[in-house]
PDB file of N, CA and C in Angstrom:
ATOM      1  N   MET A   1      -8.808  22.079  24.023  1.00  0.00           N
ATOM      2  CA  MET A   1      -9.142  20.805  23.398  1.00  0.00           C
ATOM      3  C   MET A   1      -8.000  20.407  22.463  1.00  0.00           C
ATOM      4  N   ALA A   2      -7.371  19.266  22.712  1.00  0.00           N
ATOM      5  CA  ALA A   2      -6.284  18.770  21.868  1.00  0.00           C
ATOM      6  C   ALA A   2      -6.873  17.865  20.781  1.00  0.00           C
ATOM      7  N   VAL A   3      -6.566  18.187  19.556  1.00  0.00           N
ATOM      8  CA  VAL A   3      -7.077  17.427  18.415  1.00  0.00           C
ATOM      9  C   VAL A   3      -5.953  16.590  17.837  1.00  0.00           C
ATOM     10  N   LYS A   4      -6.231  15.326  17.606  1.00  0.00           N
ATOM     11  CA  LYS A   4      -5.237  14.395  17.071  1.00  0.00           C
ATOM     12  C   LYS A   4      -5.722  13.819  15.744  1.00  0.00           C
ATOM     13  N   ILE A   5      -4.765  13.491  14.885  1.00  0.00           N
ATOM     14  CA  ILE A   5      -5.041  12.714  13.676  1.00  0.00           C
ATOM     15  C   ILE A   5      -4.557  11.310  14.000  1.00  0.00           C
ATOM     16  N   ARG A   6      -5.483  10.350  14.016  1.00  0.00           N
ATOM     17  CA  ARG A   6      -5.122   9.007  14.447  1.00  0.00           C
ATOM     18  C   ARG A   6      -5.902   7.951  13.687  1.00  0.00           C
ATOM     19  N   LEU A   7      -5.604   6.689  13.994  1.00  0.00           N
ATOM     20  CA  LEU A   7      -6.257   5.561  13.337  1.00  0.00           C
ATOM     21  C   LEU A   7      -7.407   5.049  14.191  1.00  0.00           C
ATOM     22  N   ALA A   8      -8.538   4.756  13.537  1.00  0.00           N
ATOM     23  CA  ALA A   8      -9.671   4.110  14.196  1.00  0.00           C
ATOM     24  C   ALA A   8      -9.812   2.729  13.563  1.00  0.00           C
ATOM     25  N   ARG A   9      -9.762   1.684  14.382  1.00  0.00           N
ATOM     26  CA  ARG A   9      -9.742   0.321  13.859  1.00  0.00           C
ATOM     27  C   ARG A   9     -11.131  -0.157  13.477  1.00  0.00           C
ATOM     28  N   GLY A  10     -11.176  -0.897  12.387  1.00  0.00           N
ATOM     29  CA  GLY A  10     -12.384  -1.571  11.935  1.00  0.00           C
ATOM     30  C   GLY A  10     -11.985  -2.935  11.412  1.00  0.00           C
ATOM     31  N   GLY A  11     -12.920  -3.650  10.825  1.00  0.00           N
ATOM     32  CA  GLY A  11     -12.603  -4.958  10.272  1.00  0.00           C
ATOM     33  C   GLY A  11     -12.818  -6.066  11.277  1.00  0.00           C
ATOM     34  N   ALA A  12     -12.608  -7.276  10.831  1.00  0.00           N
ATOM     35  CA  ALA A  12     -12.822  -8.458  11.663  1.00  0.00           C
ATOM     36  C   ALA A  12     -11.554  -8.819  12.434  1.00  0.00           C
ATOM     37  N   LYS A  13     -11.691  -9.821  13.298  1.00  0.00           N
ATOM     38  CA  LYS A  13     -10.539 -10.301  14.047  1.00  0.00           C
ATOM     39  C   LYS A  13      -9.479 -10.811  13.067  1.00  0.00           C
ATOM     40  N   LYS A  14      -8.231 -10.434  13.297  1.00  0.00           N
ATOM     41  CA  LYS A  14      -7.078 -10.815  12.461  1.00  0.00           C
ATOM     42  C   LYS A  14      -7.107 -10.189  11.064  1.00  0.00           C
ATOM     43  N   LYS A  15      -8.080  -9.313  10.782  1.00  0.00           N
ATOM     44  CA  LYS A  15      -8.164  -8.623   9.491  1.00  0.00           C
ATOM     45  C   LYS A  15      -8.408  -7.134   9.724  1.00  0.00           C
ATOM     46  N   PRO A  16      -7.389  -6.442  10.250  1.00  0.00           N
ATOM     47  CA  PRO A  16      -7.598  -5.036  10.600  1.00  0.00           C
ATOM     48  C   PRO A  16      -7.733  -4.139   9.375  1.00  0.00           C
ATOM     49  N   PHE A  17      -8.524  -3.107   9.531  1.00  0.00           N
ATOM     50  CA  PHE A  17      -8.717  -2.062   8.536  1.00  0.00           C
ATOM     51  C   PHE A  17      -8.888  -0.776   9.329  1.00  0.00           C
ATOM     52  N   TYR A  18      -8.217   0.273   8.930  1.00  0.00           N
ATOM     53  CA  TYR A  18      -8.222   1.495   9.721  1.00  0.00           C
ATOM     54  C   TYR A  18      -8.766   2.675   8.930  1.00  0.00           C
ATOM     55  N   GLN A  19      -9.447   3.583   9.649  1.00  0.00           N
ATOM     56  CA  GLN A  19      -9.848   4.872   9.119  1.00  0.00           C
ATOM     57  C   GLN A  19      -8.899   5.900   9.723  1.00  0.00           C
ATOM     58  N   VAL A  20      -8.406   6.819   8.919  1.00  0.00           N
ATOM     59  CA  VAL A  20      -7.588   7.911   9.436  1.00  0.00           C
ATOM     60  C   VAL A  20      -8.568   9.035   9.768  1.00  0.00           C
ATOM     61  N   VAL A  21      -8.650   9.389  11.052  1.00  0.00           N
ATOM     62  CA  VAL A  21      -9.663  10.345  11.502  1.00  0.00           C
ATOM     63  C   VAL A  21      -9.031  11.465  12.325  1.00  0.00           C
ATOM     64  N   VAL A  22      -9.763  12.573  12.398  1.00  0.00           N
ATOM     65  CA  VAL A  22      -9.421  13.673  13.286  1.00  0.00           C
ATOM     66  C   VAL A  22     -10.366  13.555  14.475  1.00  0.00           C
ATOM     67  N   ALA A  23      -9.799  13.485  15.689  1.00  0.00           N
ATOM     68  CA  ALA A  23     -10.628  13.305  16.878  1.00  0.00           C
ATOM     69  C   ALA A  23     -10.022  14.039  18.064  1.00  0.00           C
ATOM     70  N   ASP A  24     -10.879  14.416  18.983  1.00  0.00           N
ATOM     71  CA  ASP A  24     -10.435  14.943  20.270  1.00  0.00           C
ATOM     72  C   ASP A  24      -9.704  13.799  20.973  1.00  0.00           C
ATOM     73  N   GLU A  25      -8.589  14.094  21.601  1.00  0.00           N
ATOM     74  CA  GLU A  25      -7.804  13.014  22.216  1.00  0.00           C
ATOM     75  C   GLU A  25      -8.534  12.334  23.371  1.00  0.00           C
ATOM     76  N   ARG A  26      -9.586  12.951  23.905  1.00  0.00           N
ATOM     77  CA  ARG A  26     -10.340  12.355  25.006  1.00  0.00           C
ATOM     78  C   ARG A  26     -11.344  11.301  24.533  1.00  0.00           C
ATOM     79  N   TYR A  27     -11.660  11.275  23.240  1.00  0.00           N
ATOM     80  CA  TYR A  27     -12.620  10.306  22.709  1.00  0.00           C
ATOM     81  C   TYR A  27     -11.976   8.930  22.624  1.00  0.00           C
ATOM     82  N   PRO A  28     -12.774   7.847  22.702  1.00  0.00           N
ATOM     83  CA  PRO A  28     -12.210   6.501  22.552  1.00  0.00           C
ATOM     84  C   PRO A  28     -11.630   6.292  21.154  1.00  0.00           C
ATOM     85  N   ARG A  29     -10.725   5.336  21.032  1.00  0.00           N
ATOM     86  CA  ARG A  29     -10.045   5.068  19.760  1.00  0.00           C
ATOM     87  C   ARG A  29     -11.014   4.869  18.602  1.00  0.00           C
ATOM     88  N   ASP A  30     -12.033   4.050  18.804  1.00  0.00           N
ATOM     89  CA  ASP A  30     -12.987   3.753  17.730  1.00  0.00           C
ATOM     90  C   ASP A  30     -14.293   4.510  17.903  1.00  0.00           C
ATOM     91  N   GLY A  31     -14.290   5.515  18.773  1.00  0.00           N
ATOM     92  CA  GLY A  31     -15.511   6.248  19.081  1.00  0.00           C
ATOM     93  C   GLY A  31     -15.735   7.437  18.165  1.00  0.00           C
ATOM     94  N   ARG A  32     -16.306   8.462  18.760  1.00  0.00           N
ATOM     95  CA  ARG A  32     -16.685   9.667  18.025  1.00  0.00           C
ATOM     96  C   ARG A  32     -15.454  10.345  17.421  1.00  0.00           C
ATOM     97  N   PHE A  33     -15.627  10.897  16.220  1.00  0.00           N
ATOM     98  CA  PHE A  33     -14.541  11.631  15.586  1.00  0.00           C
ATOM     99  C   PHE A  33     -15.100  12.868  14.915  1.00  0.00           C
ATOM    100  N   ILE A  34     -14.236  13.804  14.571  1.00  0.00           N
ATOM    101  CA  ILE A  34     -14.651  15.059  13.968  1.00  0.00           C
ATOM    102  C   ILE A  34     -14.774  14.920  12.455  1.00  0.00           C
ATOM    103  N   GLU A  35     -13.748  14.316  11.827  1.00  0.00           N
ATOM    104  CA  GLU A  35     -13.753  14.191  10.368  1.00  0.00           C
ATOM    105  C   GLU A  35     -12.923  12.980   9.941  1.00  0.00           C
ATOM    106  N   ASN A  36     -13.368  12.332   8.864  1.00  0.00           N
ATOM    107  CA  ASN A  36     -12.665  11.185   8.289  1.00  0.00           C
ATOM    108  C   ASN A  36     -11.739  11.698   7.186  1.00  0.00           C
ATOM    109  N   LEU A  37     -10.455  11.348   7.274  1.00  0.00           N
ATOM    110  CA  LEU A  37      -9.476  11.820   6.291  1.00  0.00           C
ATOM    111  C   LEU A  37      -9.064  10.754   5.280  1.00  0.00           C
ATOM    112  N   GLY A  38      -9.383   9.481   5.531  1.00  0.00           N
ATOM    113  CA  GLY A  38      -8.995   8.445   4.586  1.00  0.00           C
ATOM    114  C   GLY A  38      -8.979   7.070   5.209  1.00  0.00           C
ATOM    115  N   GLN A  39      -8.350   6.124   4.490  1.00  0.00           N
ATOM    116  CA  GLN A  39      -8.280   4.734   4.935  1.00  0.00           C
ATOM    117  C   GLN A  39      -6.837   4.237   4.878  1.00  0.00           C
ATOM    118  N   TYR A  40      -6.605   3.185   5.683  1.00  0.00           N
ATOM    119  CA  TYR A  40      -5.310   2.508   5.707  1.00  0.00           C
ATOM    120  C   TYR A  40      -5.571   1.025   5.892  1.00  0.00           C
ATOM    121  N   ASP A  41      -5.072   0.212   4.946  1.00  0.00           N
ATOM    122  CA  ASP A  41      -5.234  -1.241   5.024  1.00  0.00           C
ATOM    123  C   ASP A  41      -3.852  -1.888   4.998  1.00  0.00           C
ATOM    124  N   PRO A  42      -3.340  -2.310   6.166  1.00  0.00           N
ATOM    125  CA  PRO A  42      -1.992  -2.873   6.223  1.00  0.00           C
ATOM    126  C   PRO A  42      -1.894  -4.294   5.685  1.00  0.00           C
ATOM    127  N   LYS A  43      -3.009  -4.968   5.448  1.00  0.00           N
ATOM    128  CA  LYS A  43      -2.986  -6.366   5.014  1.00  0.00           C
ATOM    129  C   LYS A  43      -2.720  -6.514   3.519  1.00  0.00           C
ATOM    130  N   GLN A  44      -2.917  -5.448   2.747  1.00  0.00           N
ATOM    131  CA  GLN A  44      -2.644  -5.531   1.313  1.00  0.00           C
ATOM    132  C   GLN A  44      -1.140  -5.451   1.080  1.00  0.00           C
ATOM    133  N   ASN A  45      -0.721  -5.904  -0.092  1.00  0.00           N
ATOM    134  CA  ASN A  45       0.694  -5.857  -0.436  1.00  0.00           C
ATOM    135  C   ASN A  45       0.867  -5.077  -1.722  1.00  0.00           C
ATOM    136  N   PRO A  46       1.400  -3.875  -1.724  1.00  0.00           N
ATOM    137  CA  PRO A  46       1.833  -3.054  -0.594  1.00  0.00           C
ATOM    138  C   PRO A  46       0.626  -2.496   0.167  1.00  0.00           C
ATOM    139  N   PRO A  47       0.819  -2.056   1.406  1.00  0.00           N
ATOM    140  CA  PRO A  47      -0.297  -1.528   2.190  1.00  0.00           C
ATOM    141  C   PRO A  47      -0.997  -0.365   1.493  1.00  0.00           C
ATOM    142  N   MET A  48      -2.336  -0.378   1.520  1.00  0.00           N
ATOM    143  CA  MET A  48      -3.125   0.654   0.862  1.00  0.00           C
ATOM    144  C   MET A  48      -3.291   1.846   1.797  1.00  0.00           C
ATOM    145  N   VAL A  49      -2.968   3.039   1.297  1.00  0.00           N
ATOM    146  CA  VAL A  49      -3.164   4.273   2.048  1.00  0.00           C
ATOM    147  C   VAL A  49      -3.868   5.260   1.122  1.00  0.00           C
ATOM    148  N   ASN A  50      -5.105   5.617   1.444  1.00  0.00           N
ATOM    149  CA  ASN A  50      -5.851   6.625   0.704  1.00  0.00           C
ATOM    150  C   ASN A  50      -6.140   7.773   1.651  1.00  0.00           C
ATOM    151  N   LEU A  51      -5.616   8.961   1.329  1.00  0.00           N
ATOM    152  CA  LEU A  51      -5.823  10.125   2.173  1.00  0.00           C
ATOM    153  C   LEU A  51      -6.315  11.299   1.341  1.00  0.00           C
ATOM    154  N   LYS A  52      -7.180  12.103   1.939  1.00  0.00           N
ATOM    155  CA  LYS A  52      -7.617  13.355   1.324  1.00  0.00           C
ATOM    156  C   LYS A  52      -6.562  14.392   1.687  1.00  0.00           C
ATOM    157  N   GLU A  53      -5.646  14.657   0.745  1.00  0.00           N
ATOM    158  CA  GLU A  53      -4.482  15.492   1.047  1.00  0.00           C
ATOM    159  C   GLU A  53      -4.853  16.907   1.474  1.00  0.00           C
ATOM    160  N   GLU A  54      -5.797  17.523   0.771  1.00  0.00           N
ATOM    161  CA  GLU A  54      -6.143  18.909   1.080  1.00  0.00           C
ATOM    162  C   GLU A  54      -6.716  19.032   2.483  1.00  0.00           C
ATOM    163  N   LEU A  55      -7.620  18.108   2.835  1.00  0.00           N
ATOM    164  CA  LEU A  55      -8.195  18.130   4.189  1.00  0.00           C
ATOM    165  C   LEU A  55      -7.142  17.860   5.250  1.00  0.00           C
ATOM    166  N   THR A  56      -6.253  16.924   4.984  1.00  0.00           N
ATOM    167  CA  THR A  56      -5.199  16.598   5.937  1.00  0.00           C
ATOM    168  C   THR A  56      -4.287  17.798   6.167  1.00  0.00           C
ATOM    169  N   LEU A  57      -3.874  18.456   5.094  1.00  0.00           N
ATOM    170  CA  LEU A  57      -3.033  19.648   5.225  1.00  0.00           C
ATOM    171  C   LEU A  57      -3.757  20.745   5.993  1.00  0.00           C
ATOM    172  N   GLU A  58      -5.048  20.898   5.725  1.00  0.00           N
ATOM    173  CA  GLU A  58      -5.846  21.910   6.417  1.00  0.00           C
ATOM    174  C   GLU A  58      -5.846  21.667   7.930  1.00  0.00           C
ATOM    175  N   TRP A  59      -6.049  20.400   8.345  1.00  0.00           N
ATOM    176  CA  TRP A  59      -6.069  20.077   9.770  1.00  0.00           C
ATOM    177  C   TRP A  59      -4.691  20.237  10.391  1.00  0.00           C
ATOM    178  N   LEU A  60      -3.639  19.879   9.673  1.00  0.00           N
ATOM    179  CA  LEU A  60      -2.286  20.050  10.207  1.00  0.00           C
ATOM    180  C   LEU A  60      -1.962  21.526  10.407  1.00  0.00           C
ATOM    181  N   LYS A  61      -2.419  22.376   9.481  1.00  0.00           N
ATOM    182  CA  LYS A  61      -2.188  23.815   9.612  1.00  0.00           C
ATOM    183  C   LYS A  61      -2.966  24.390  10.786  1.00  0.00           C
ATOM    184  N   LYS A  62      -4.112  23.794  11.106  1.00  0.00           N
ATOM    185  CA  LYS A  62      -4.907  24.246  12.252  1.00  0.00           C
ATOM    186  C   LYS A  62      -4.301  23.804  13.580  1.00  0.00           C
ATOM    187  N   GLY A  63      -3.331  22.890  13.550  1.00  0.00           N
ATOM    188  CA  GLY A  63      -2.657  22.475  14.768  1.00  0.00           C
ATOM    189  C   GLY A  63      -2.943  21.059  15.220  1.00  0.00           C
ATOM    190  N   ALA A  64      -3.629  20.264  14.415  1.00  0.00           N
ATOM    191  CA  ALA A  64      -3.886  18.871  14.786  1.00  0.00           C
ATOM    192  C   ALA A  64      -2.571  18.107  14.799  1.00  0.00           C
ATOM    193  N   GLN A  65      -2.364  17.293  15.834  1.00  0.00           N
ATOM    194  CA  GLN A  65      -1.128  16.541  15.997  1.00  0.00           C
ATOM    195  C   GLN A  65      -1.323  15.092  15.548  1.00  0.00           C
ATOM    196  N   PRO A  66      -0.542  14.607  14.569  1.00  0.00           N
ATOM    197  CA  PRO A  66      -0.661  13.201  14.172  1.00  0.00           C
ATOM    198  C   PRO A  66       0.021  12.281  15.187  1.00  0.00           C
ATOM    199  N   THR A  67      -0.519  11.082  15.341  1.00  0.00           N
ATOM    200  CA  THR A  67       0.136  10.078  16.174  1.00  0.00           C
ATOM    201  C   THR A  67       1.372   9.578  15.434  1.00  0.00           C
ATOM    202  N   ALA A  68       2.191   8.791  16.090  1.00  0.00           N
ATOM    203  CA  ALA A  68       3.445   8.319  15.485  1.00  0.00           C
ATOM    204  C   ALA A  68       3.187   7.520  14.206  1.00  0.00           C
ATOM    205  N   THR A  69       2.221   6.616  14.228  1.00  0.00           N
ATOM    206  CA  THR A  69       1.923   5.799  13.052  1.00  0.00           C
ATOM    207  C   THR A  69       1.395   6.661  11.906  1.00  0.00           C
ATOM    208  N   VAL A  70       0.504   7.581  12.226  1.00  0.00           N
ATOM    209  CA  VAL A  70      -0.051   8.457  11.184  1.00  0.00           C
ATOM    210  C   VAL A  70       1.044   9.370  10.638  1.00  0.00           C
ATOM    211  N   ARG A  71       1.944   9.824  11.496  1.00  0.00           N
ATOM    212  CA  ARG A  71       3.053  10.665  11.020  1.00  0.00           C
ATOM    213  C   ARG A  71       3.901   9.906   9.994  1.00  0.00           C
ATOM    214  N   ASN A  72       4.154   8.615  10.247  1.00  0.00           N
ATOM    215  CA  ASN A  72       4.902   7.803   9.279  1.00  0.00           C
ATOM    216  C   ASN A  72       4.145   7.683   7.961  1.00  0.00           C
ATOM    217  N   LEU A  73       2.821   7.482   8.021  1.00  0.00           N
ATOM    218  CA  LEU A  73       2.017   7.392   6.793  1.00  0.00           C
ATOM    219  C   LEU A  73       2.059   8.704   6.026  1.00  0.00           C
ATOM    220  N   LEU A  74       1.942   9.829   6.729  1.00  0.00           N
ATOM    221  CA  LEU A  74       1.977  11.141   6.081  1.00  0.00           C
ATOM    222  C   LEU A  74       3.342  11.406   5.450  1.00  0.00           C
ATOM    223  N   ARG A  75       4.394  10.990   6.138  1.00  0.00           N
ATOM    224  CA  ARG A  75       5.743  11.173   5.588  1.00  0.00           C
ATOM    225  C   ARG A  75       5.919  10.345   4.313  1.00  0.00           C
ATOM    226  N   ASP A  76       5.453   9.103   4.335  1.00  0.00           N
ATOM    227  CA  ASP A  76       5.583   8.230   3.168  1.00  0.00           C
ATOM    228  C   ASP A  76       4.785   8.752   1.970  1.00  0.00           C
ATOM    229  N   LYS A  77       3.635   9.392   2.232  1.00  0.00           N
ATOM    230  CA  LYS A  77       2.812   9.944   1.151  1.00  0.00           C
ATOM    231  C   LYS A  77       3.310  11.320   0.688  1.00  0.00           C
ATOM    232  N   GLY A  78       4.245  11.920   1.421  1.00  0.00           N
ATOM    233  CA  GLY A  78       4.797  13.216   1.040  1.00  0.00           C
ATOM    234  C   GLY A  78       3.978  14.406   1.520  1.00  0.00           C
ATOM    235  N   ILE A  79       3.034  14.184   2.411  1.00  0.00           N
ATOM    236  CA  ILE A  79       2.177  15.269   2.879  1.00  0.00           C
ATOM    237  C   ILE A  79       2.919  16.167   3.866  1.00  0.00           C
ATOM    238  N   LEU A  80       3.769  15.586   4.703  1.00  0.00           N
ATOM    239  CA  LEU A  80       4.530  16.406   5.652  1.00  0.00           C
ATOM    240  C   LEU A  80       5.502  17.328   4.922  1.00  0.00           C
ATOM    241  N   ALA A  81       6.070  16.875   3.812  1.00  0.00           N
ATOM    242  CA  ALA A  81       6.981  17.711   3.031  1.00  0.00           C
ATOM    243  C   ALA A  81       6.228  18.904   2.451  1.00  0.00           C
ATOM    244  N   LYS A  82       4.991  18.673   1.993  1.00  0.00           N
ATOM    245  CA  LYS A  82       4.176  19.771   1.462  1.00  0.00           C
ATOM    246  C   LYS A  82       3.826  20.768   2.553  1.00  0.00           C
ATOM    247  N   LEU A  83       3.620  20.283   3.768  1.00  0.00           N
ATOM    248  CA  LEU A  83       3.302  21.168   4.885  1.00  0.00           C
ATOM    249  C   LEU A  83       4.498  22.074   5.203  1.00  0.00           C
ATOM    250  N   GLN A  84       5.702  21.529   5.166  1.00  0.00           N
ATOM    251  CA  GLN A  84       6.884  22.323   5.476  1.00  0.00           C
ATOM    252  C   GLN A  84       7.185  23.337   4.388  1.00  0.00           C
ATOM    253  N   GLN A  85       6.812  23.053   3.123  1.00  0.00           N
ATOM    254  CA  GLN A  85       7.029  23.995   2.018  1.00  0.00           C
ATOM    255  C   GLN A  85       6.081  25.186   2.120  1.00  0.00           C
ATOM    256  N   ALA A  86       4.886  24.958   2.644  1.00  0.00           N
ATOM    257  CA  ALA A  86       3.879  26.032   2.694  1.00  0.00           C
ATOM    258  C   ALA A  86       4.170  27.045   3.759  1.00  0.00           C
TER     259      ALA A  86
END
């Protein structure tokens, strides 16, 4: 079972809001997920990113693979740097 850290879209048309979730890669984008790690709102200036760092690090250590967009968010928040130090 491949586990991914990815974005699940919410919000209205033209007003996207995303949840950062851990999900099996076979599940639909906005479908079932294992755990919610935070939120991402690209419409705010600057974009709002709230992540539970400890949970995110825990899932990364277990082998969960972030998608490209989530990897950029983690890098900007400094979570990937903490993972490499550990």
